Structures are given as structure tokens and as C-alpha cells.
Amino acid sequence: MITTSADLNAVRRRDDLSRAAGETVDVLVVGGGITGVGVALDAASRGLSVTLVEAEDLAFGTSRFSSKLVHGGLRYLATGDVATAKESALERHLLMTQIAPHLIRPLPQLLPFAPGVTFSQRSAGAVGMVMGDLLRMRAHTSRRTLPGPRAVSARTARRLVPALSVQGLRGGMLSYDGQLVDDARLVVTVARTAAGLGTSILTRVRAVELRGDGASAEDALTGERFELRARSVINATGVWAGTLDPAIAVRPSRGTHIVLDAADLGHPAAALTIPHPGSISRYVFALPQQHGRVIVGLTDEDAPEPVPRVAAPTEAEIVFLLDSVNRVLAEPIGRDRVRGAFAGLRPLVDTGGESTADVSRRHLVAASDDGFVSVLGGKLTTYRRMAEDAVDLAVRLHGLPQRPSRTAALRLVDAAGGPSEPVADGLFLTREDVVSAVRTELALTVDDVLDRRSRIGLVPEERERALAPVSALVARTLAELSENGG
């Protein structure tokens, strides 16, 4: 179904930008996070002409700061939100079996029956895992893809997470969920897939004002102002949605993670699931990652406006996460072992709850008074459904061709690149990774490569070591692209 090259780079951006001001497309998408690129792909897969503009870089905001889980909605069951849980389980099934099996793996998750995890928390966790398995079956996800939950012994629990304390350990419950290789990688891959269907992906282009028939925009690289014309416009800017549509009430919630060395937890083969004190529905997770890392998260804190360009974790949140995981470990991990920390803002729809933990994760799709569509809320797992709903509404409102969404069975493109030597000794980032990011994934700066195309930037010490060689390689590759015309 791919009709043009899926490669994105500075030369294609230049060419697409020069055309954008002189044409009228079916759909103009504003926002280059997972929701925006999902909208672009959904519209393009229906045969509509699409332009996407993003003020910064792909996956610049919330989308790169998730827990990197594609989950079946266990927490939503615990809070009684069955509809969201069902939707999450179905979308997880599609992602793991049809859309992105090359980007997602099954992740074992262990709820340890340890001191500090109460009987009610153990019971609620076990019941929730069984109910989550019923959702798995309802979504027709096979046990070859996601094994069913089961009780495990203390010995098995320690084999899965060697750093667990043996004192009072009574085994645990093991269940499975989906885990992304990387959340920013998913965003870039969806964008490349949309580009292969003819979508113009324009990063560093800020929408200054939205209308039902287009937008006033500015090229952040040159400062040039211009008009973009479209038959429909979709606002997918997440926590910034209210700046373009004042009728939208966004309630940002800050989710913080810390980064640890996997060695500090004994190189775990499963994620740890640790209930919040006194809660049966909120958890801290210690999640194994690629390249010998574990991320521990996450918080759910009100983050009143103004919305920062990049959210920052607080020291109190870092300490809370560290204390939470230390509750079940044999040897506590000191604050000095935290290698990095990051925070993202959830674009929740304000429903007046007492805390953001009480705010529904259902997404909102609505038409503005000016005639454009806004979409926000939801979860990374359900981005495809959010996009489908947004395009459906835009099509109805503006009389576009009535073609069904095709994204439920549309596989995302594979990543480019190949093996080569690392950019510096002891780092996982290779020279080919950098070149591929610039040539095929629209990386325009060294920050794009370090912080979004790779995730080396999550650990400041590693980022600093990579900065000089990656800067030189990005500059050289951009010059070669310009000289050769792409």
C-alpha cells in the first residue's frame, strides 16, 4: 500500500514545505506526537491528501515520556472504567498482531507477595490480572502472544527479579502485557508510514492560528509566515490544545520516571509491580528496557498551566519512586544510583475530579466553533482509535469522501539502518543509527538524534559523551543530503 518513499529528511521537508503554501489538502493535522501522526496515517490510508505540521520535532512532547507500555487496561478495570479497558485490550491486540509486532514484545510483570504489599492489594492484583486475561480473550489475543496470569513461588519470583528481598517473600502473581521497544520510535515509524502514503510531514512549523479551512503558520527555521489551506483541520497538540482552541479544558498531569542500571536490580527478566501504600488501583512499575536500563515510574501529579516546553521531574517525585521500589528490594538503591529522570504531561480532559488520578483516560473528539476538530486525552495504546474517531468527525463535518479507516490492519514500516561501530566506546548508539536518523527519520539536529531518535539522552552522562561525535556526524550527513538533493 506504500505509494512513495517512507524516508523523511531535510530535503523532503524543504520540498514539501515549498508546495504546502500553494495547495489545498484534504486534512491538515497540527501536532507531531503519537495522536497527530496517527491521525495523519489514518487520513492518508483512506486516500485523503494530508499535511502535518509540528512546532518542534516528532515525539517532542508527551509521546516520548511514557512508560513504553502497550497495555490492556488493568488499572481502568480497578477504577471501574470497563469501556476504556476493553478499548485498550483491543488496540493492544491490533498493535501486537497486525500493526507493529516488530516494535512490541510481551513483558512479564510480577506483583510480589512481599511485606508491605497487603492482603487486599494482593487479592485485588490477582483478581485484576484474571479480569485482564478475560479482556485478552475477548480481544482474541492468543496466549502465544500474551501468556495468561499465574501464581509463582518465591524462588521463581527471585529468579525473575534477583534483587527482591527474600525476607517475608511469599511468591507473587505473574501476568503479561505489551512493551514498546521505544515510544518515540513508534511515533517516528507511524510518521514514516504516513509519509509512504504521500503525507507531508513538516517539523519546525508552528501553527499560529487555526481555522476550519486552514492555519496561519510559521517556519521556525527561517521565521517565514505563510498560510496553509485545507478542507479540514485537526488539532492534535495534546497539552497545548487549549492554546489553539480556548473552548478545550485541558488538565495536565505530570508523570515522572527515573532511570536505573539494570544491574542494580540484578538484570531483571520481569517488571516489578508495586502498589502505592493504601491503594488497590495505583502502582509503581520497575520496567526493564533495552541497553541495560530499568525505568521506574510513574507519578500522577497536577501540573497547572502554563505548560512548559519540556516538563521537569521534581526531587520529591524522584525520591518517592526510589522509595517505592526499595520497599521490596534486598539492598536499597541509593539516590546516587539514579542515572537520569524524565517527566511528561498527560493531556487529560478536565472533568473536575479532585486529582488527576481520578480523571478519566477516555479521549475527547470535538468540533470547535471555528470549524476544526480537536482530539486529546486517551492513552498511547489507543492512539489508533483516537485518530480514527477524529478523522471520522472531520470527514462528516466537511463532506470529504466517506471511506472507512484501514489502519487496524495496516502494518507499520520497518526501521532503516544496520549494524556499525558505536559513536563512542561503551555507548549503544552507532554511527549508522545517526546517519539513518538524518537520512530517513527527519532528524534535523543533534538533539533530535540524542533525545528522540535514540534515547541516549535519558542518561545525562551518556548524552555528554555522545554529543561531540554525533554533532559532527549529523552536520556531515545534512551537508551530504543538501549536496546530493536527498
Protein backbone atom coordinates (compact mmCIF):
# COMPACT_ATOMS: atom_id res chain seq x y z
CA MET A 1 0.00 0.00 0.00
CA ILE A 2 3.04 2.30 0.36
CA THR A 3 2.96 4.59 -2.67
CA THR A 4 6.04 6.82 -2.22
CA SER A 5 9.26 6.65 -0.24
CA ALA A 6 8.81 6.49 3.51
CA ASP A 7 12.11 8.30 4.01
CA LEU A 8 11.90 11.64 5.79
CA ASN A 9 14.76 14.13 5.77
CA ALA A 10 15.64 17.80 5.44
CA VAL A 11 15.45 17.78 1.64
CA ARG A 12 11.99 16.23 1.57
CA ARG A 13 10.86 18.69 4.25
CA ARG A 14 12.12 21.60 2.13
CA ASP A 15 10.32 20.34 -0.97
CA ASP A 16 7.09 19.56 0.88
CA LEU A 17 7.16 22.94 2.61
CA SER A 18 7.56 24.78 -0.69
CA ARG A 19 4.46 23.02 -2.04
CA ALA A 20 2.35 23.35 1.10
CA ALA A 21 1.70 27.07 0.78
CA GLY A 22 0.40 26.65 -2.75
CA GLU A 23 -2.02 23.73 -2.38
CA THR A 24 -5.20 22.83 -0.56
CA VAL A 25 -5.12 19.43 1.14
CA ASP A 26 -8.00 17.36 2.45
CA VAL A 27 -6.66 17.22 6.02
CA LEU A 28 -4.25 19.50 7.87
CA VAL A 29 -3.02 17.89 11.10
CA VAL A 30 -1.43 20.03 13.80
CA GLY A 31 0.80 18.13 16.22
CA GLY A 32 3.55 15.57 15.71
CA GLY A 33 3.06 13.33 18.74
CA ILE A 34 1.54 9.85 18.56
CA THR A 35 -2.00 11.20 18.18
CA GLY A 36 -1.09 13.61 15.38
CA VAL A 37 0.92 11.11 13.34
CA GLY A 38 -1.83 8.55 13.94
CA VAL A 39 -4.40 10.99 12.53
CA ALA A 40 -2.17 11.66 9.52
CA LEU A 41 -1.78 7.93 8.83
CA ASP A 42 -5.49 7.23 9.23
CA ALA A 43 -6.43 10.02 6.81
CA ALA A 44 -3.76 9.10 4.28
CA SER A 45 -4.77 5.42 4.38
CA ARG A 46 -8.26 6.50 3.27
CA GLY A 47 -6.79 8.15 0.19
CA LEU A 48 -7.03 11.70 1.54
CA SER A 49 -4.27 14.25 0.93
CA VAL A 50 -2.60 15.20 4.22
CA THR A 51 -0.13 17.72 5.61
CA LEU A 52 1.10 17.51 9.20
CA VAL A 53 2.82 20.41 10.95
CA GLU A 54 4.70 20.18 14.24
CA ALA A 55 6.17 23.17 16.07
CA GLU A 56 9.18 21.24 17.35
CA ASP A 57 10.21 17.67 16.44
CA LEU A 58 8.38 14.38 16.12
CA ALA A 59 7.61 12.95 19.59
CA PHE A 60 8.86 16.16 21.20
CA GLY A 61 6.21 16.31 23.93
CA THR A 62 4.27 13.71 25.88
CA SER A 63 4.78 10.82 23.48
CA ARG A 64 8.45 10.24 24.33
CA PHE A 65 7.91 10.29 28.09
CA SER A 66 5.53 7.34 28.59
CA SER A 67 6.18 4.07 30.43
CA LYS A 68 6.57 2.48 26.98
CA LEU A 69 3.78 0.02 27.67
CA VAL A 70 1.06 -1.14 25.30
CA HIS A 71 -1.30 -2.24 27.99
CA GLY A 72 -4.64 -3.92 28.29
CA GLY A 73 -6.20 -1.52 30.75
CA LEU A 74 -5.79 -3.31 34.09
CA ARG A 75 -5.83 -0.04 36.00
CA TYR A 76 -9.05 1.01 34.29
CA LEU A 77 -10.73 -2.18 35.48
CA ALA A 78 -9.63 -1.37 39.02
CA THR A 79 -11.29 2.05 38.78
CA GLY A 80 -14.45 0.70 37.11
CA ASP A 81 -13.77 2.15 33.65
CA VAL A 82 -14.64 -1.01 31.76
CA ALA A 83 -15.15 0.71 28.39
CA THR A 84 -11.60 2.11 28.36
CA ALA A 85 -10.22 -1.24 29.49
CA LYS A 86 -11.97 -3.04 26.62
CA GLU A 87 -10.76 -0.47 24.11
CA SER A 88 -7.19 -0.75 25.40
CA ALA A 89 -7.22 -4.54 25.17
CA LEU A 90 -8.48 -4.46 21.59
CA GLU A 91 -5.96 -1.83 20.48
CA ARG A 92 -3.16 -3.76 22.19
CA HIS A 93 -4.22 -6.83 20.21
CA LEU A 94 -4.10 -4.94 16.92
CA LEU A 95 -0.71 -3.40 17.70
CA MET A 96 0.88 -6.69 18.76
CA THR A 97 -0.56 -8.84 15.96
CA GLN A 98 -1.24 -6.60 12.95
CA ILE A 99 0.20 -3.12 13.18
CA ALA A 100 3.55 -3.20 14.97
CA PRO A 101 4.62 -6.69 16.09
CA HIS A 102 8.19 -5.66 15.19
CA LEU A 103 8.08 -2.84 17.75
CA ILE A 104 6.39 -4.60 20.69
CA ARG A 105 7.27 -7.60 22.85
CA PRO A 106 5.40 -9.40 25.63
CA LEU A 107 6.58 -8.20 29.04
CA PRO A 108 6.20 -10.35 32.16
CA GLN A 109 5.04 -8.32 35.15
CA LEU A 110 5.45 -9.54 38.72
CA LEU A 111 3.33 -8.47 41.69
CA PRO A 112 5.46 -9.71 44.61
CA PHE A 113 3.73 -11.02 47.72
CA ALA A 114 6.18 -9.23 49.96
CA PRO A 115 5.92 -7.41 53.28
CA GLY A 116 4.34 -4.04 52.66
CA VAL A 117 2.02 -5.48 49.99
CA THR A 118 -1.16 -6.04 51.95
CA PHE A 119 -3.58 -8.93 51.63
CA SER A 120 -6.16 -6.67 49.99
CA GLN A 121 -3.57 -5.43 47.49
CA ARG A 122 -2.50 -8.99 46.69
CA SER A 123 -6.11 -10.07 46.27
CA ALA A 124 -7.07 -7.07 44.15
CA GLY A 125 -3.98 -7.53 41.99
CA ALA A 126 -4.67 -11.21 41.42
CA VAL A 127 -8.34 -10.61 40.60
CA GLY A 128 -7.40 -7.75 38.28
CA MET A 129 -4.92 -9.94 36.40
CA VAL A 130 -7.56 -12.61 35.90
CA MET A 131 -10.03 -10.00 34.67
CA GLY A 132 -7.34 -8.59 32.40
CA ASP A 133 -6.92 -12.07 30.96
CA LEU A 134 -10.64 -12.15 30.21
CA LEU A 135 -10.18 -8.91 28.26
CA ARG A 136 -7.28 -10.53 26.41
CA MET A 137 -9.54 -13.40 25.39
CA ARG A 138 -12.33 -11.02 24.42
CA ALA A 139 -9.88 -9.19 22.12
CA HIS A 140 -8.89 -12.60 20.62
CA THR A 141 -5.24 -12.24 21.63
CA SER A 142 -3.74 -15.72 21.78
CA ARG A 143 -1.70 -16.98 24.70
CA ARG A 144 1.18 -17.41 22.30
CA THR A 145 1.21 -13.63 22.10
CA LEU A 146 0.40 -12.92 25.75
CA PRO A 147 0.56 -15.83 28.22
CA GLY A 148 -2.08 -15.99 30.92
CA PRO A 149 -1.54 -14.97 34.55
CA ARG A 150 -0.33 -17.45 37.14
CA ALA A 151 0.85 -17.65 40.72
CA VAL A 152 4.60 -18.15 41.15
CA SER A 153 6.77 -19.32 44.02
CA ALA A 154 9.22 -17.16 45.94
CA ARG A 155 12.04 -18.95 44.13
CA THR A 156 10.59 -18.10 40.72
CA ALA A 157 9.94 -14.52 41.79
CA ARG A 158 13.60 -14.16 42.78
CA ARG A 159 14.73 -15.73 39.50
CA LEU A 160 12.69 -13.16 37.58
CA VAL A 161 13.82 -10.22 39.75
CA PRO A 162 17.03 -11.25 41.56
CA ALA A 163 17.16 -8.06 43.67
CA LEU A 164 13.93 -8.93 45.53
CA SER A 165 14.26 -9.32 49.27
CA VAL A 166 13.71 -12.90 50.47
CA GLN A 167 12.51 -11.70 53.87
CA GLY A 168 8.81 -12.49 54.07
CA LEU A 169 8.53 -13.12 50.31
CA ARG A 170 5.61 -15.44 49.61
CA GLY A 171 5.86 -15.68 45.85
CA GLY A 172 3.66 -13.50 43.69
CA MET A 173 1.39 -13.18 40.67
CA LEU A 174 2.83 -13.07 37.18
CA SER A 175 0.98 -11.58 34.22
CA TYR A 176 1.93 -10.28 30.79
CA ASP A 177 1.44 -7.04 28.88
CA GLY A 178 2.89 -5.41 25.79
CA GLN A 179 6.07 -3.33 25.86
CA LEU A 180 7.30 -0.98 23.14
CA VAL A 181 10.90 -1.05 22.07
CA ASP A 182 10.55 2.71 22.43
CA ASP A 183 7.66 5.17 22.40
CA ALA A 184 9.42 7.83 20.30
CA ARG A 185 10.34 5.08 17.83
CA LEU A 186 6.64 4.28 17.44
CA VAL A 187 5.87 7.94 16.64
CA VAL A 188 8.60 8.16 14.00
CA THR A 189 7.55 4.84 12.47
CA VAL A 190 3.91 5.91 12.19
CA ALA A 191 5.06 9.19 10.61
CA ARG A 192 7.23 7.35 8.09
CA THR A 193 4.34 5.04 7.23
CA ALA A 194 2.11 8.07 6.62
CA ALA A 195 4.87 9.64 4.51
CA GLY A 196 4.92 6.50 2.39
CA LEU A 197 1.26 7.20 1.60
CA GLY A 198 2.08 10.73 0.45
CA THR A 199 1.72 12.72 3.68
CA SER A 200 3.84 15.84 4.03
CA ILE A 201 5.49 15.80 7.48
CA LEU A 202 6.67 19.33 8.36
CA THR A 203 8.52 19.65 11.65
CA ARG A 204 9.65 23.06 12.96
CA VAL A 205 6.48 24.58 11.54
CA ARG A 206 4.28 26.23 14.15
CA ALA A 207 0.54 26.74 13.66
CA VAL A 208 -0.10 30.22 14.99
CA GLU A 209 -3.85 30.29 14.39
CA LEU A 210 -6.31 27.59 13.34
CA ARG A 211 -9.42 27.96 11.21
CA GLY A 212 -11.85 25.48 9.76
CA ASP A 213 -10.19 25.88 6.35
CA GLY A 214 -6.53 26.05 7.30
CA ALA A 215 -3.99 27.74 9.52
CA SER A 216 -1.56 30.62 9.74
CA ALA A 217 1.87 29.07 10.21
CA GLU A 218 5.49 30.00 10.77
CA ASP A 219 8.65 28.17 9.74
CA ALA A 220 10.69 28.09 12.95
CA LEU A 221 13.92 27.67 10.98
CA THR A 222 13.51 30.82 8.88
CA GLY A 223 10.82 32.86 10.63
CA GLU A 224 8.77 32.96 7.42
CA ARG A 225 4.99 33.31 7.88
CA PHE A 226 2.58 31.69 5.42
CA GLU A 227 -0.94 30.32 5.07
CA LEU A 228 -1.89 26.64 4.87
CA ARG A 229 -5.20 25.78 3.23
CA ALA A 230 -7.19 22.63 3.90
CA ARG A 231 -10.70 21.23 3.57
CA SER A 232 -10.50 20.09 7.22
CA VAL A 233 -8.18 20.75 10.15
CA ILE A 234 -7.46 18.51 13.16
CA ASN A 235 -5.86 19.88 16.32
CA ALA A 236 -3.78 17.09 17.92
CA THR A 237 -1.44 19.20 20.03
CA GLY A 238 -2.04 17.43 23.35
CA VAL A 239 -1.41 19.59 26.40
CA TRP A 240 -1.17 22.63 24.10
CA ALA A 241 -4.62 22.02 22.54
CA GLY A 242 -6.21 24.79 24.59
CA THR A 243 -3.86 27.42 23.15
CA LEU A 244 -5.42 26.84 19.72
CA ASP A 245 -8.99 26.18 20.92
CA PRO A 246 -9.88 28.11 24.11
CA ALA A 247 -13.04 26.02 24.50
CA ILE A 248 -10.93 22.96 25.30
CA ALA A 249 -10.32 22.48 29.03
CA VAL A 250 -7.03 20.60 29.42
CA ARG A 251 -5.83 19.44 32.82
CA PRO A 252 -2.17 18.42 32.50
CA SER A 253 -0.91 15.66 34.77
CA ARG A 254 2.81 15.11 35.28
CA GLY A 255 4.11 11.57 35.04
CA THR A 256 7.71 11.15 36.20
CA HIS A 257 10.15 8.25 35.73
CA ILE A 258 13.68 7.59 36.93
CA VAL A 259 16.36 5.64 35.06
CA LEU A 260 18.42 2.95 36.82
CA ASP A 261 21.04 0.46 35.73
CA ALA A 262 19.53 -2.98 35.24
CA ALA A 263 22.46 -4.35 37.27
CA ASP A 264 21.10 -2.62 40.38
CA LEU A 265 18.07 -4.92 40.20
CA GLY A 266 20.04 -7.99 39.19
CA HIS A 267 19.20 -7.64 35.47
CA PRO A 268 15.50 -8.46 35.94
CA ALA A 269 13.63 -10.60 33.43
CA ALA A 270 10.27 -9.19 34.53
CA ALA A 271 8.84 -5.83 35.51
CA LEU A 272 8.06 -5.20 39.16
CA THR A 273 4.54 -4.05 40.01
CA ILE A 274 4.42 -2.34 43.41
CA PRO A 275 1.12 -0.98 44.80
CA HIS A 276 1.02 2.53 46.22
CA PRO A 277 0.63 2.44 50.00
CA GLY A 278 -3.08 2.15 50.82
CA SER A 279 -4.20 1.79 47.19
CA ILE A 280 -5.52 -1.16 45.17
CA SER A 281 -5.55 0.69 41.83
CA ARG A 282 -2.32 2.69 41.64
CA TYR A 283 1.14 1.19 41.13
CA VAL A 284 4.80 1.99 40.65
CA PHE A 285 6.47 -0.11 37.95
CA ALA A 286 10.14 -1.02 37.54
CA LEU A 287 10.32 -1.79 33.83
CA PRO A 288 13.33 -3.44 32.12
CA GLN A 289 14.45 -1.60 28.99
CA GLN A 290 16.90 -2.20 26.19
CA HIS A 291 20.59 -1.36 26.66
CA GLY A 292 20.80 -2.39 30.30
CA ARG A 293 18.39 0.13 31.76
CA VAL A 294 15.35 -0.02 34.01
CA ILE A 295 12.85 2.83 34.25
CA VAL A 296 10.80 3.24 37.41
CA GLY A 297 7.55 5.16 37.27
CA LEU A 298 5.25 6.75 37.43
CA THR A 299 3.68 9.64 39.26
CA ASP A 300 0.36 11.34 38.63
CA GLU A 301 0.58 14.93 39.80
CA ASP A 302 -1.42 18.02 38.88
CA ALA A 303 0.68 20.27 36.65
CA PRO A 304 -1.17 23.59 36.41
CA GLU A 305 -0.57 25.87 33.44
CA PRO A 306 1.43 27.48 31.95
CA VAL A 307 2.60 24.41 30.07
CA PRO A 308 6.42 24.22 29.95
CA ARG A 309 8.28 23.42 26.74
CA VAL A 310 9.67 20.31 28.46
CA ALA A 311 8.35 19.13 31.81
CA ALA A 312 10.82 18.58 34.64
CA PRO A 313 10.61 15.96 37.42
CA THR A 314 10.68 17.18 40.99
CA GLU A 315 13.07 15.86 43.63
CA ALA A 316 10.10 14.73 45.72
CA GLU A 317 8.83 12.59 42.83
CA ILE A 318 12.27 11.05 42.29
CA VAL A 319 12.55 10.16 45.96
CA PHE A 320 9.01 8.74 46.01
CA LEU A 321 9.75 6.42 43.08
CA LEU A 322 13.04 5.29 44.58
CA ASP A 323 11.45 4.66 47.98
CA SER A 324 8.63 2.71 46.34
CA VAL A 325 10.91 0.25 44.57
CA ASN A 326 13.23 -0.03 47.58
CA ARG A 327 10.32 -1.32 49.68
CA VAL A 328 10.66 -4.76 48.09
CA LEU A 329 14.42 -4.98 47.42
CA ALA A 330 17.07 -6.76 49.48
CA GLU A 331 19.54 -3.90 49.08
CA PRO A 332 18.09 -0.39 48.78
CA ILE A 333 19.22 1.62 45.76
CA GLY A 334 20.72 4.96 46.78
CA ARG A 335 19.83 8.34 45.29
CA ASP A 336 23.30 8.47 43.76
CA ARG A 337 22.42 5.42 41.61
CA VAL A 338 19.70 7.30 39.73
CA ARG A 339 21.23 7.82 36.29
CA GLY A 340 18.50 10.04 34.89
CA ALA A 341 14.93 11.24 35.35
CA PHE A 342 12.27 12.50 32.97
CA ALA A 343 8.69 13.73 33.09
CA GLY A 344 5.85 14.05 30.62
CA LEU A 345 2.49 15.80 30.77
CA ARG A 346 -0.68 13.80 30.11
CA PRO A 347 -3.22 15.84 28.12
CA LEU A 348 -6.23 14.95 30.27
CA VAL A 349 -9.68 16.38 29.64
CA ASP A 350 -10.70 18.38 32.73
CA THR A 351 -13.75 16.74 34.26
CA GLY A 352 -13.50 18.42 37.64
CA GLY A 353 -12.09 15.47 39.59
CA GLU A 354 -10.31 16.11 42.86
CA SER A 355 -6.98 14.84 41.49
CA THR A 356 -5.65 13.92 38.09
CA ALA A 357 -5.59 10.27 39.18
CA ASP A 358 -9.41 10.49 39.19
CA VAL A 359 -9.67 11.98 35.69
CA SER A 360 -10.92 9.61 33.00
CA ARG A 361 -8.46 8.42 30.36
CA ARG A 362 -11.21 8.38 27.72
CA HIS A 363 -10.37 10.56 24.76
CA LEU A 364 -12.31 13.57 23.51
CA VAL A 365 -13.03 14.37 19.87
CA ALA A 366 -14.96 17.59 19.33
CA ALA A 367 -15.60 20.28 16.73
CA SER A 368 -14.61 23.84 17.61
CA ASP A 369 -16.69 26.92 16.96
CA ASP A 370 -14.22 27.79 14.18
CA GLY A 371 -14.88 24.52 12.38
CA PHE A 372 -11.76 22.49 13.14
CA VAL A 373 -11.65 19.22 15.10
CA SER A 374 -9.73 18.78 18.36
CA VAL A 375 -8.66 15.40 19.73
CA LEU A 376 -7.00 14.87 23.11
CA GLY A 377 -6.93 12.68 26.19
CA GLY A 378 -6.69 8.94 25.80
CA LYS A 379 -3.57 6.81 26.08
CA LEU A 380 -0.66 5.88 23.84
CA THR A 381 -2.14 2.39 23.45
CA THR A 382 -5.36 3.78 21.98
CA TYR A 383 -3.81 6.33 19.60
CA ARG A 384 -5.13 4.50 16.53
CA ARG A 385 -8.73 4.58 17.74
CA MET A 386 -8.42 8.24 18.69
CA ALA A 387 -7.14 9.01 15.22
CA GLU A 388 -9.93 7.06 13.54
CA ASP A 389 -12.58 8.92 15.56
CA ALA A 390 -11.02 12.29 14.75
CA VAL A 391 -10.86 11.63 11.01
CA ASP A 392 -14.42 10.25 11.02
CA LEU A 393 -15.67 13.52 12.52
CA ALA A 394 -13.66 15.67 10.11
CA VAL A 395 -14.97 13.69 7.15
CA ARG A 396 -18.59 14.12 8.30
CA LEU A 397 -18.25 17.82 9.07
CA HIS A 398 -16.59 18.81 5.81
CA GLY A 399 -18.08 16.41 3.27
CA LEU A 400 -14.87 14.55 2.49
CA PRO A 401 -15.05 11.16 0.73
CA GLN A 402 -16.65 8.59 3.03
CA ARG A 403 -14.04 5.84 3.09
CA PRO A 404 -13.53 3.57 6.11
CA SER A 405 -10.39 3.60 8.22
CA ARG A 406 -7.83 1.00 7.16
CA THR A 407 -5.31 1.32 9.99
CA ALA A 408 -6.50 -1.69 12.02
CA ALA A 409 -4.77 -3.96 9.51
CA LEU A 410 -2.06 -1.64 8.17
CA ARG A 411 1.41 -2.76 9.26
CA LEU A 412 3.88 -0.01 10.04
CA VAL A 413 7.11 0.20 8.05
CA ASP A 414 10.26 -1.43 9.35
CA ALA A 415 13.11 0.64 10.69
CA ALA A 416 16.02 1.55 8.47
CA GLY A 417 19.67 1.21 9.45
CA GLY A 418 22.03 -1.60 10.25
CA PRO A 419 24.97 -2.65 12.43
CA SER A 420 28.04 -0.44 12.64
CA GLU A 421 30.55 0.82 15.20
CA PRO A 422 29.38 2.88 18.21
CA VAL A 423 29.82 6.64 18.17
CA ALA A 424 31.95 6.34 21.34
CA ASP A 425 33.31 3.46 23.40
CA GLY A 426 30.73 1.89 25.71
CA LEU A 427 27.71 3.54 24.07
CA PHE A 428 24.93 1.66 22.28
CA LEU A 429 24.33 4.40 19.70
CA THR A 430 26.04 3.55 16.40
CA ARG A 431 27.19 5.70 13.51
CA GLU A 432 24.63 4.02 11.25
CA ASP A 433 21.88 4.89 13.75
CA VAL A 434 22.81 8.55 13.44
CA VAL A 435 23.08 8.57 9.66
CA SER A 436 19.77 6.73 9.31
CA ALA A 437 18.05 9.15 11.69
CA VAL A 438 19.10 12.09 9.49
CA ARG A 439 18.54 10.41 6.13
CA THR A 440 15.24 8.62 6.80
CA GLU A 441 13.69 9.83 10.08
CA LEU A 442 13.72 13.64 9.75
CA ALA A 443 16.33 14.30 12.43
CA LEU A 444 17.49 17.87 11.79
CA THR A 445 19.64 18.48 14.89
CA VAL A 446 21.87 16.64 17.31
CA ASP A 447 19.09 16.94 19.94
CA ASP A 448 16.69 15.14 17.61
CA VAL A 449 19.11 12.21 17.43
CA LEU A 450 20.11 12.04 21.09
CA ASP A 451 16.74 12.70 22.69
CA ARG A 452 14.16 11.27 20.29
CA ARG A 453 15.57 9.04 17.51
CA SER A 454 17.68 7.32 20.15
CA ARG A 455 17.12 7.57 23.92
CA ILE A 456 20.72 8.00 24.93
CA GLY A 457 19.72 11.44 26.20
CA LEU A 458 17.80 9.92 29.11
CA VAL A 459 21.15 9.44 30.86
CA PRO A 460 22.94 12.82 31.01
CA GLU A 461 26.44 11.30 31.36
CA GLU A 462 25.99 9.19 28.22
CA ARG A 463 24.47 12.14 26.36
CA GLU A 464 27.51 14.26 27.13
CA ARG A 465 29.90 11.59 25.83
CA ALA A 466 27.92 11.23 22.60
CA LEU A 467 27.38 14.94 21.97
CA ALA A 468 30.54 15.86 20.04
CA PRO A 469 30.78 12.83 17.70
CA VAL A 470 27.04 12.87 16.98
CA SER A 471 27.07 16.62 16.30
CA ALA A 472 29.81 16.16 13.74
CA LEU A 473 28.08 13.21 12.09
CA VAL A 474 24.71 15.00 11.91
CA ALA A 475 26.32 18.07 10.31
CA ARG A 476 28.17 15.96 7.76
CA THR A 477 25.11 13.91 6.83
CA LEU A 478 22.93 17.01 6.45
CA ALA A 479 25.57 18.56 4.17
CA GLU A 480 25.69 15.40 2.05
CA LEU A 481 21.91 15.39 1.75
CA SER A 482 21.86 19.00 0.64
CA GLU A 483 24.66 18.47 -1.85
CA ASN A 484 23.06 15.37 -3.36
CA GLY A 485 19.48 16.67 -3.27
CA GLY A 486 18.29 13.89 -0.95
